[in-house]
């Protein structure tokens, strides 16, 4: 009797040859998420993660969780364990409508699909709209989790620079004119307009209005990704793009991950009916339906508790952590570093001297048991190598201070090494610090368009 072949190992060249001819051509363009690559190491003992966009789930009351699950077990057990409609449960859509109403939006329930997290929305929209080589417009930097999706569907992503007021709409219009001359029409514009991931900046109201006008004039779709709009720490909220547009060209992505729990894996999309129909077909092929149990948990929670009180409590926690991180950056980072000061959301974008590669810096930082997301993961054209994304929501204030201190020490070593190797003074040496009492770098609100010529738009 013949001996069956042994299972393939993970690393031999023969294994690569054995399977290489079977892979679809699109897999050659697939790229791992910068965040997922780090997840395997952030669970190490002693590791301080400032990398993932992790909400503080420890703040969710265990007694509330017990009450929610008990209610489902008592009233809806069989239904919770069964398949549901692809579009989602009607009672879950009512909860979604309540969340959107808090930002002034009132979509028709028929225009919604409940999804397996917000990430699935990006995948389903891209699947429905993109053929290989089609153009997507995105901000630069953009959400690192969208990058592998766009790669997987072989999109040509054109990134538009940002400043303190968000995406530069003047540059967007110039880009659209250039693409039109080339006979190319973007399929959609992808934007995170409120507390942008990763830059932390918010698109101004004039730019929101102009963006809505531009896409209407040119009949282009927009995918508005809005996970953080309710996590505002200061200032008045501008209306979402969906509210300004009325749902004609703007597709809206929402999620319960940041205002309730990412473990529920529950998001949603609101889109024009013809687009929603294609998204529905794509979801049927992907997973048939979103977890009925998760949907009923959200519904039970909304009936038992005031979800807005919980969001308010998160806002207070995150505001304090943001302030702690800003103070720690001023204390521990060298004067050459610059960073944004977000008015909400979960992230701060830091830019270092050009000679520092933050992917290399991450490897060194991990040896000090601290992690962040390198900026290159937020671009598709190799930019962002001297930047990093820092998350302040997932760690307490003590760990934030210690994590920033560790990263700061590694940066200072790199700066000193540069001076030693080049024989030049350390960049920025001798310059006045913006916060001399703290001894650190300076907060930079991504300079606006009319900033002086010697100011570089950090993060663009």
Protein backbone atom coordinates (compact mmCIF):
# COMPACT_ATOMS: atom_id res chain seq x y z
CA UNK A 1 0.00 0.00 0.00
CA UNK A 2 1.39 3.42 -0.96
CA UNK A 3 2.36 5.88 1.72
CA UNK A 4 0.31 9.09 1.70
CA UNK A 5 2.29 12.28 1.20
CA UNK A 6 3.37 13.99 4.37
CA UNK A 7 1.70 17.32 5.22
CA UNK A 8 3.50 20.28 3.70
CA UNK A 9 5.81 22.26 5.93
CA UNK A 10 5.52 26.02 6.16
CA UNK A 11 8.79 27.15 4.69
CA UNK A 12 10.25 25.02 1.90
CA UNK A 13 10.63 26.31 -1.64
CA UNK A 14 9.13 23.05 -2.90
CA UNK A 15 5.89 23.88 -1.10
CA UNK A 16 5.78 27.26 -2.79
CA UNK A 17 6.25 25.62 -6.19
CA UNK A 18 3.58 23.01 -5.44
CA UNK A 19 0.84 25.58 -4.85
CA UNK A 20 2.01 28.61 -6.82
CA UNK A 21 0.24 27.64 -10.02
CA UNK A 22 -3.09 27.28 -8.24
CA UNK A 23 -3.38 30.80 -6.86
CA UNK A 24 -5.58 33.38 -8.57
CA UNK A 25 -3.67 36.22 -10.23
CA UNK A 26 -5.19 38.74 -7.82
CA UNK A 27 -3.43 37.09 -4.86
CA UNK A 28 -0.15 38.47 -6.16
CA UNK A 29 -1.37 41.93 -5.24
CA UNK A 30 -2.74 41.01 -1.83
CA UNK A 31 -1.12 42.74 1.09
CA UNK A 32 -1.29 42.05 4.78
CA UNK A 33 -2.83 44.67 7.03
CA UNK A 34 -0.27 46.68 8.98
CA UNK A 35 -2.45 46.22 12.06
CA UNK A 36 -2.94 42.48 11.71
CA UNK A 37 0.81 41.96 11.38
CA UNK A 38 1.28 43.48 14.81
CA UNK A 39 -1.57 41.64 16.54
CA UNK A 40 0.52 38.47 16.88
CA UNK A 41 3.05 40.22 19.13
CA UNK A 42 0.99 42.66 21.19
CA UNK A 43 -0.26 39.87 23.48
CA UNK A 44 3.25 39.19 24.75
CA UNK A 45 3.71 39.63 28.51
CA UNK A 46 4.81 43.18 29.26
CA UNK A 47 3.98 44.46 25.77
CA UNK A 48 2.38 47.90 25.63
CA UNK A 49 0.34 48.23 22.45
CA UNK A 50 -0.33 51.69 21.07
CA UNK A 51 -1.01 50.05 17.71
CA UNK A 52 -4.51 48.66 17.24
CA UNK A 53 -7.63 50.80 17.19
CA UNK A 54 -8.87 49.06 20.30
CA UNK A 55 -11.77 50.49 22.29
CA UNK A 56 -11.74 49.99 26.05
CA UNK A 57 -14.05 47.00 26.39
CA UNK A 58 -13.11 46.67 30.08
CA UNK A 59 -15.37 49.66 30.70
CA UNK A 60 -18.46 47.71 29.62
CA UNK A 61 -20.37 46.66 32.77
CA UNK A 62 -20.34 42.85 33.22
CA UNK A 63 -23.77 42.99 34.83
CA UNK A 64 -25.15 44.61 31.68
CA UNK A 65 -23.61 41.90 29.53
CA UNK A 66 -25.19 39.27 31.80
CA UNK A 67 -28.59 40.97 31.60
CA UNK A 68 -28.42 41.17 27.80
CA UNK A 69 -27.51 37.51 27.35
CA UNK A 70 -30.07 36.40 29.94
CA UNK A 71 -32.81 38.29 28.11
CA UNK A 72 -31.90 36.65 24.80
CA UNK A 73 -31.76 33.20 26.42
CA UNK A 74 -35.18 33.73 27.94
CA UNK A 75 -37.00 35.39 25.05
CA UNK A 76 -35.17 34.67 21.78
CA UNK A 77 -32.89 31.66 22.21
CA UNK A 78 -34.03 29.66 19.18
CA UNK A 79 -34.11 32.74 16.97
CA UNK A 80 -30.66 33.86 18.10
CA UNK A 81 -29.20 30.52 17.02
CA UNK A 82 -30.85 30.57 13.58
CA UNK A 83 -29.98 32.14 10.22
CA UNK A 84 -31.41 35.57 9.51
CA UNK A 85 -32.13 37.70 6.44
CA UNK A 86 -29.12 38.96 4.51
CA UNK A 87 -30.28 42.55 4.97
CA UNK A 88 -30.37 42.20 8.76
CA UNK A 89 -33.09 42.12 11.41
CA UNK A 90 -35.61 44.92 11.48
CA UNK A 91 -35.12 45.54 15.21
CA UNK A 92 -31.38 45.92 14.65
CA UNK A 93 -32.06 48.43 11.89
CA UNK A 94 -34.13 50.44 14.36
CA UNK A 95 -31.09 50.61 16.64
CA UNK A 96 -28.95 51.71 13.71
CA UNK A 97 -31.48 54.39 12.81
CA UNK A 98 -31.30 55.68 16.39
CA UNK A 99 -27.50 55.92 16.24
CA UNK A 100 -27.58 57.73 12.90
CA UNK A 101 -30.29 60.09 14.15
CA UNK A 102 -27.86 61.22 16.87
CA UNK A 103 -25.85 62.81 14.03
CA UNK A 104 -28.87 64.17 12.19
CA UNK A 105 -29.39 61.37 9.64
CA UNK A 106 -32.69 59.60 8.98
CA UNK A 107 -32.24 56.89 6.33
CA UNK A 108 -34.96 54.53 5.16
CA UNK A 109 -34.55 51.08 6.73
CA UNK A 110 -34.87 49.58 3.27
CA UNK A 111 -31.63 51.32 2.30
CA UNK A 112 -29.61 49.54 5.03
CA UNK A 113 -27.73 46.26 5.20
CA UNK A 114 -26.39 44.99 8.53
CA UNK A 115 -22.86 43.67 8.04
CA UNK A 116 -20.19 41.68 9.83
CA UNK A 117 -18.37 44.74 11.10
CA UNK A 118 -17.51 47.91 9.25
CA UNK A 119 -14.58 46.17 7.56
CA UNK A 120 -17.00 44.02 5.58
CA UNK A 121 -18.62 47.15 4.16
CA UNK A 122 -15.31 48.23 2.62
CA UNK A 123 -14.88 44.77 1.13
CA UNK A 124 -18.44 44.51 -0.21
CA UNK A 125 -18.44 48.00 -1.74
CA UNK A 126 -15.08 47.36 -3.40
CA UNK A 127 -16.24 43.95 -4.63
CA UNK A 128 -19.40 45.48 -6.11
CA UNK A 129 -17.73 48.41 -7.85
CA UNK A 130 -14.12 47.60 -8.72
CA UNK A 131 -12.68 45.73 -11.68
CA UNK A 132 -8.88 45.31 -11.85
CA UNK A 133 -7.30 48.65 -12.69
CA UNK A 134 -10.30 50.77 -11.70
CA UNK A 135 -9.53 53.95 -9.78
CA UNK A 136 -10.39 54.59 -6.14
CA UNK A 137 -9.73 58.01 -4.63
CA UNK A 138 -8.61 57.94 -0.99
CA UNK A 139 -7.00 60.27 1.50
CA UNK A 140 -3.26 60.19 2.06
CA UNK A 141 -2.78 58.72 4.62
CA UNK A 142 -5.79 56.41 4.60
CA UNK A 143 -7.22 53.80 6.97
CA UNK A 144 -4.62 50.98 7.03
CA UNK A 145 -7.36 48.34 7.07
CA UNK A 146 -8.66 49.52 3.71
CA UNK A 147 -5.27 49.10 2.04
CA UNK A 148 -5.33 45.26 1.82
CA UNK A 149 -8.93 45.36 0.54
CA UNK A 150 -8.04 47.73 -2.28
CA UNK A 151 -4.97 45.63 -3.09
CA UNK A 152 -7.00 42.41 -3.15
CA UNK A 153 -9.39 43.78 -5.78
CA UNK A 154 -6.47 45.20 -7.81
CA UNK A 155 -7.66 48.79 -7.62
CA UNK A 156 -5.52 51.73 -8.68
CA UNK A 157 -5.70 53.91 -5.58
CA UNK A 158 -4.95 57.60 -6.00
CA UNK A 159 -4.35 59.32 -2.67
CA UNK A 160 -5.13 62.98 -2.05
CA UNK A 161 -3.02 64.94 0.42
CA UNK A 162 -4.56 66.22 3.65
CA UNK A 163 -4.05 69.18 5.93
CA UNK A 164 -5.64 70.37 9.17
CA UNK A 165 -9.05 70.60 7.46
CA UNK A 166 -8.97 67.10 6.03
CA UNK A 167 -8.78 66.08 2.40
CA UNK A 168 -7.67 68.88 0.07
CA UNK A 169 -10.70 69.20 -2.19
CA UNK A 170 -8.82 71.53 -4.54
CA UNK A 171 -6.29 68.75 -5.11
CA UNK A 172 -9.14 66.28 -5.53
CA UNK A 173 -10.63 68.40 -8.31
CA UNK A 174 -7.25 68.74 -10.02
CA UNK A 175 -6.82 64.96 -9.82
CA UNK A 176 -10.29 64.31 -11.23
CA UNK A 177 -9.56 66.67 -14.14
CA UNK A 178 -6.29 64.85 -14.84
CA UNK A 179 -7.94 61.44 -14.70
CA UNK A 180 -10.69 62.66 -17.04
CA UNK A 181 -8.06 63.77 -19.56
CA UNK A 182 -6.61 60.27 -19.33
CA UNK A 183 -10.04 58.74 -19.98
CA UNK A 184 -10.29 57.34 -16.47
CA UNK A 185 -13.25 57.78 -14.15
CA UNK A 186 -12.93 56.85 -10.44
CA UNK A 187 -15.49 54.39 -9.16
CA UNK A 188 -15.69 55.96 -5.71
CA UNK A 189 -14.04 58.26 -3.21
CA UNK A 190 -13.19 56.68 0.14
CA UNK A 191 -12.97 59.05 3.11
CA UNK A 192 -12.96 59.01 6.91
CA UNK A 193 -14.03 62.64 7.39
CA UNK A 194 -14.39 62.75 11.18
CA UNK A 195 -11.29 62.17 13.36
CA UNK A 196 -9.63 60.48 10.42
CA UNK A 197 -7.86 57.18 10.86
CA UNK A 198 -4.86 57.48 11.04
CA UNK A 199 -4.28 61.26 10.96
CA UNK A 200 -6.89 62.26 13.54
CA UNK A 201 -7.98 65.37 11.61
CA UNK A 202 -11.56 66.31 10.72
CA UNK A 203 -12.80 67.54 7.36
CA UNK A 204 -14.11 71.10 7.67
CA UNK A 205 -17.72 71.96 6.85
CA UNK A 206 -16.81 74.01 3.73
CA UNK A 207 -14.82 71.09 2.38
CA UNK A 208 -17.63 68.66 3.15
CA UNK A 209 -20.06 70.83 1.24
CA UNK A 210 -17.70 71.19 -1.68
CA UNK A 211 -16.98 67.45 -1.77
CA UNK A 212 -20.70 66.73 -1.96
CA UNK A 213 -21.02 69.28 -4.77
CA UNK A 214 -18.08 67.82 -6.69
CA UNK A 215 -19.35 64.25 -6.62
CA UNK A 216 -22.85 65.39 -7.63
CA UNK A 217 -21.45 67.41 -10.54
CA UNK A 218 -19.37 64.45 -11.73
CA UNK A 219 -21.81 61.69 -10.65
CA UNK A 220 -19.26 59.88 -8.48
CA UNK A 221 -19.94 57.74 -5.43
CA UNK A 222 -18.44 58.42 -1.99
CA UNK A 223 -17.94 55.84 0.75
CA UNK A 224 -18.12 57.77 4.04
CA UNK A 225 -16.50 55.71 6.82
CA UNK A 226 -17.71 57.14 10.14
CA UNK A 227 -16.73 54.92 13.11
CA UNK A 228 -15.68 57.78 15.39
CA UNK A 229 -18.15 60.63 14.80
CA UNK A 230 -19.80 60.26 18.21
CA UNK A 231 -16.47 60.12 20.06
CA UNK A 232 -15.96 63.89 20.15
CA UNK A 233 -13.99 65.53 22.96
CA UNK A 234 -14.34 69.19 22.02
CA UNK A 235 -15.85 71.51 19.42
CA UNK A 236 -19.06 71.39 17.44
CA UNK A 237 -19.67 68.43 15.10
CA UNK A 238 -20.01 69.12 11.37
CA UNK A 239 -22.79 67.20 9.61
CA UNK A 240 -21.85 63.87 8.04
CA UNK A 241 -21.48 63.79 4.28
CA UNK A 242 -24.52 61.52 4.09
CA UNK A 243 -26.70 64.19 5.70
CA UNK A 244 -25.43 66.86 3.29
CA UNK A 245 -25.94 64.60 0.27
CA UNK A 246 -29.18 62.90 1.29
CA UNK A 247 -27.95 59.48 0.17
CA UNK A 248 -27.83 60.18 -3.57
CA UNK A 249 -24.09 59.70 -4.09
CA UNK A 250 -22.84 59.08 -0.54
CA UNK A 251 -22.71 55.53 0.81
CA UNK A 252 -22.50 55.51 4.61
CA UNK A 253 -20.49 53.04 6.69
CA UNK A 254 -21.23 52.74 10.41
CA UNK A 255 -20.20 50.29 13.12
CA UNK A 256 -20.95 49.34 16.70
CA UNK A 257 -17.29 48.42 17.23
CA UNK A 258 -16.21 51.79 18.62
CA UNK A 259 -19.39 52.77 20.50
CA UNK A 260 -20.34 49.36 21.93
CA UNK A 261 -18.08 46.36 21.23
CA UNK A 262 -15.85 45.19 18.38
CA UNK A 263 -16.41 41.59 19.47
CA UNK A 264 -19.99 41.80 18.23
CA UNK A 265 -18.63 42.25 14.67
CA UNK A 266 -21.61 44.37 13.73
CA UNK A 267 -21.63 47.22 11.24
CA UNK A 268 -23.88 48.55 8.53
CA UNK A 269 -24.01 50.26 5.17
CA UNK A 270 -26.59 52.70 3.82
CA UNK A 271 -26.45 53.14 0.06
CA UNK A 272 -28.57 54.05 -2.98
CA UNK A 273 -30.90 51.12 -3.82
CA UNK A 274 -29.16 50.02 -7.07
CA UNK A 275 -25.80 49.89 -5.27
CA UNK A 276 -27.34 48.22 -2.22
CA UNK A 277 -28.73 45.46 -4.40
CA UNK A 278 -25.23 44.54 -5.62
CA UNK A 279 -23.85 44.75 -2.07
CA UNK A 280 -26.60 42.38 -0.96
CA UNK A 281 -25.64 39.84 -3.61
CA UNK A 282 -22.01 40.09 -2.58
CA UNK A 283 -22.88 39.52 1.06
CA UNK A 284 -24.98 36.48 0.21
CA UNK A 285 -21.92 34.95 -1.36
CA UNK A 286 -19.64 35.99 1.49
CA UNK A 287 -21.50 34.85 4.63
CA UNK A 288 -25.25 34.58 3.87
CA UNK A 289 -26.14 36.83 6.82
CA UNK A 290 -24.71 38.68 9.78
CA UNK A 291 -24.78 36.91 13.15
CA UNK A 292 -28.35 36.84 14.44
CA UNK A 293 -27.04 36.49 17.99
CA UNK A 294 -24.98 39.69 17.69
CA UNK A 295 -27.90 41.58 16.21
CA UNK A 296 -30.23 40.50 19.01
CA UNK A 297 -27.60 41.43 21.60
CA UNK A 298 -27.53 44.98 20.25
CA UNK A 299 -31.30 45.15 20.26
CA UNK A 300 -31.53 43.83 23.83
CA UNK A 301 -28.87 46.28 24.97
CA UNK A 302 -30.72 49.22 23.43
CA UNK A 303 -33.90 48.16 25.23
CA UNK A 304 -32.20 47.67 28.60
CA UNK A 305 -29.75 50.60 28.66
CA UNK A 306 -29.27 54.08 27.27
CA UNK A 307 -26.47 53.56 24.76
CA UNK A 308 -25.71 57.28 24.75
CA UNK A 309 -24.73 57.14 28.43
CA UNK A 310 -22.15 54.49 27.60
CA UNK A 311 -20.77 56.53 24.70
CA UNK A 312 -20.55 59.54 27.03
CA UNK A 313 -18.56 57.48 29.53
CA UNK A 314 -16.20 56.32 26.78
CA UNK A 315 -15.74 59.90 25.65
CA UNK A 316 -14.62 60.94 29.12
CA UNK A 317 -12.16 58.03 29.35
CA UNK A 318 -10.69 58.64 25.91
CA UNK A 319 -10.41 62.40 26.37
CA UNK A 320 -8.24 61.85 29.45
CA UNK A 321 -6.12 59.30 27.60
CA UNK A 322 -5.67 61.58 24.62
CA UNK A 323 -4.50 64.35 26.92
CA UNK A 324 -2.13 61.96 28.66
CA UNK A 325 -0.61 60.89 25.36
CA UNK A 326 -0.19 64.48 24.18
CA UNK A 327 1.57 65.36 27.44
CA UNK A 328 3.75 62.25 27.20
CA UNK A 329 4.75 63.08 23.63
CA UNK A 330 5.83 66.55 24.70
CA UNK A 331 7.86 65.07 27.54
CA UNK A 332 9.48 62.09 25.81
CA UNK A 333 9.79 62.73 22.07
CA UNK A 334 12.70 64.76 20.66
CA UNK A 335 12.16 68.30 19.31
CA UNK A 336 12.27 67.04 15.72
CA UNK A 337 8.97 65.15 16.17
CA UNK A 338 5.61 66.63 15.22
CA UNK A 339 2.11 65.33 15.84
CA UNK A 340 -1.57 66.13 15.47
CA UNK A 341 -4.01 66.96 18.26
CA UNK A 342 -7.30 65.19 17.47
CA UNK A 343 -10.58 66.63 18.72
CA UNK A 344 -12.02 63.11 18.93
CA UNK A 345 -11.53 59.56 17.73
CA UNK A 346 -8.74 57.22 18.76
CA UNK A 347 -5.50 58.21 17.03
CA UNK A 348 -2.58 60.62 16.95
CA UNK A 349 -0.38 60.86 13.83
CA UNK A 350 3.30 61.48 14.52
CA UNK A 351 5.89 62.48 11.95
CA UNK A 352 9.63 62.08 12.60
CA UNK A 353 12.71 63.26 10.68
CA UNK A 354 12.92 61.83 7.15
CA UNK A 355 15.96 59.69 7.97
CA UNK A 356 13.95 57.56 10.43
CA UNK A 357 12.05 54.61 8.93
CA UNK A 358 9.26 53.75 11.35
CA UNK A 359 9.01 50.16 10.10
CA UNK A 360 12.59 49.66 11.24
CA UNK A 361 11.84 51.69 14.36
CA UNK A 362 8.95 49.34 15.18
CA UNK A 363 11.28 46.33 15.23
CA UNK A 364 13.50 48.16 17.70
CA UNK A 365 10.53 49.31 19.76
CA UNK A 366 9.16 45.79 20.01
CA UNK A 367 12.39 44.75 21.69
CA UNK A 368 11.44 47.33 24.32
CA UNK A 369 7.95 45.77 24.50
CA UNK A 370 6.01 48.58 22.87
CA UNK A 371 4.19 48.67 19.51
CA UNK A 372 2.66 51.19 17.10
CA UNK A 373 1.53 51.18 13.45
CA UNK A 374 4.19 52.39 10.97
CA UNK A 375 2.94 55.13 8.68
CA UNK A 376 3.81 53.30 5.47
CA UNK A 377 0.83 51.01 6.09
CA UNK A 378 -1.49 53.97 5.48
CA UNK A 379 -0.20 54.64 1.97
CA UNK A 380 -0.17 52.62 -1.24
CA UNK A 381 2.74 54.44 -2.88
CA UNK A 382 5.57 54.05 -0.36
CA UNK A 383 5.02 57.31 1.47
CA UNK A 384 4.65 57.57 5.24
CA UNK A 385 7.95 55.92 6.11
CA UNK A 386 8.82 58.53 8.72
CA UNK A 387 5.37 58.60 10.34
CA UNK A 388 3.50 56.45 12.83
CA UNK A 389 -0.04 56.01 14.12
CA UNK A 390 -0.51 55.93 17.89
CA UNK A 391 -3.69 54.71 19.58
CA UNK A 392 -4.65 56.09 23.00
CA UNK A 393 -7.99 54.37 23.64
CA UNK A 394 -6.78 50.84 24.36
CA UNK A 395 -4.31 51.48 27.21
CA UNK A 396 -4.66 53.15 30.59
CA UNK A 397 -2.83 56.36 31.34
CA UNK A 398 0.11 54.74 33.08
CA UNK A 399 0.79 52.41 30.18
CA UNK A 400 0.40 55.28 27.70
CA UNK A 401 3.06 57.31 29.50
CA UNK A 402 5.43 54.34 29.72
CA UNK A 403 4.83 53.29 26.11
CA UNK A 404 5.55 56.77 24.80
CA UNK A 405 8.65 56.97 26.99
CA UNK A 406 9.97 53.71 25.50
CA UNK A 407 9.31 54.82 21.92
CA UNK A 408 10.90 58.18 22.68
CA UNK A 409 14.08 56.53 23.90
CA UNK A 410 14.34 54.46 20.71
CA UNK A 411 13.80 57.57 18.56
CA UNK A 412 16.46 59.49 20.45
CA UNK A 413 18.91 56.62 19.84
CA UNK A 414 18.17 56.82 16.11
CA UNK A 415 18.66 60.58 16.07
CA UNK A 416 21.97 60.28 17.91
CA UNK A 417 23.12 57.48 15.59
CA UNK A 418 22.32 59.62 12.57
CA UNK A 419 24.48 62.40 13.94
CA UNK A 420 27.33 59.98 14.60
CA UNK A 421 27.20 58.38 11.14
CA UNK A 422 26.91 61.63 9.19
CA UNK A 423 29.12 63.80 11.34
CA UNK A 424 26.41 66.42 11.17
CA UNK A 425 24.62 68.08 14.07
CA UNK A 426 21.44 66.30 15.00
CA UNK A 427 18.58 67.70 12.90
CA UNK A 428 16.82 70.36 14.90
CA UNK A 429 19.65 70.59 17.44
CA UNK A 430 19.75 73.96 19.11
CA UNK A 431 16.32 75.01 17.87
CA UNK A 432 13.91 76.40 20.40
CA UNK A 433 11.45 73.82 21.64
CA UNK A 434 7.80 74.66 21.27
CA UNK A 435 7.20 73.31 24.78
CA UNK A 436 10.45 74.08 26.62
CA UNK A 437 8.98 73.36 30.02
CA UNK A 438 8.09 69.84 28.88
CA UNK A 439 11.26 69.25 26.85
CA UNK A 440 9.56 67.63 23.85
CA UNK A 441 8.46 68.16 20.26
CA UNK A 442 5.48 70.18 19.16
CA UNK A 443 1.83 69.67 18.41
CA UNK A 444 1.09 70.36 14.76
CA UNK A 445 -2.47 70.55 13.48
CA UNK A 446 -1.56 69.48 9.93
CA UNK A 447 -0.96 72.99 8.51
CA UNK A 448 -3.76 74.47 6.49
CA UNK A 449 -3.55 75.27 2.84
CA UNK A 450 -2.48 78.86 3.42
CA UNK A 451 0.43 77.91 5.67
CA UNK A 452 3.82 79.33 4.78
CA UNK A 453 5.93 77.61 2.13
CA UNK A 454 8.41 76.37 4.71
CA UNK A 455 5.72 74.36 6.53
CA UNK A 456 5.24 70.79 5.31
CA UNK A 457 1.80 69.21 5.64
CA UNK A 458 2.59 66.53 8.13
CA UNK A 459 0.96 63.23 7.25
CA UNK A 460 0.35 64.21 3.62
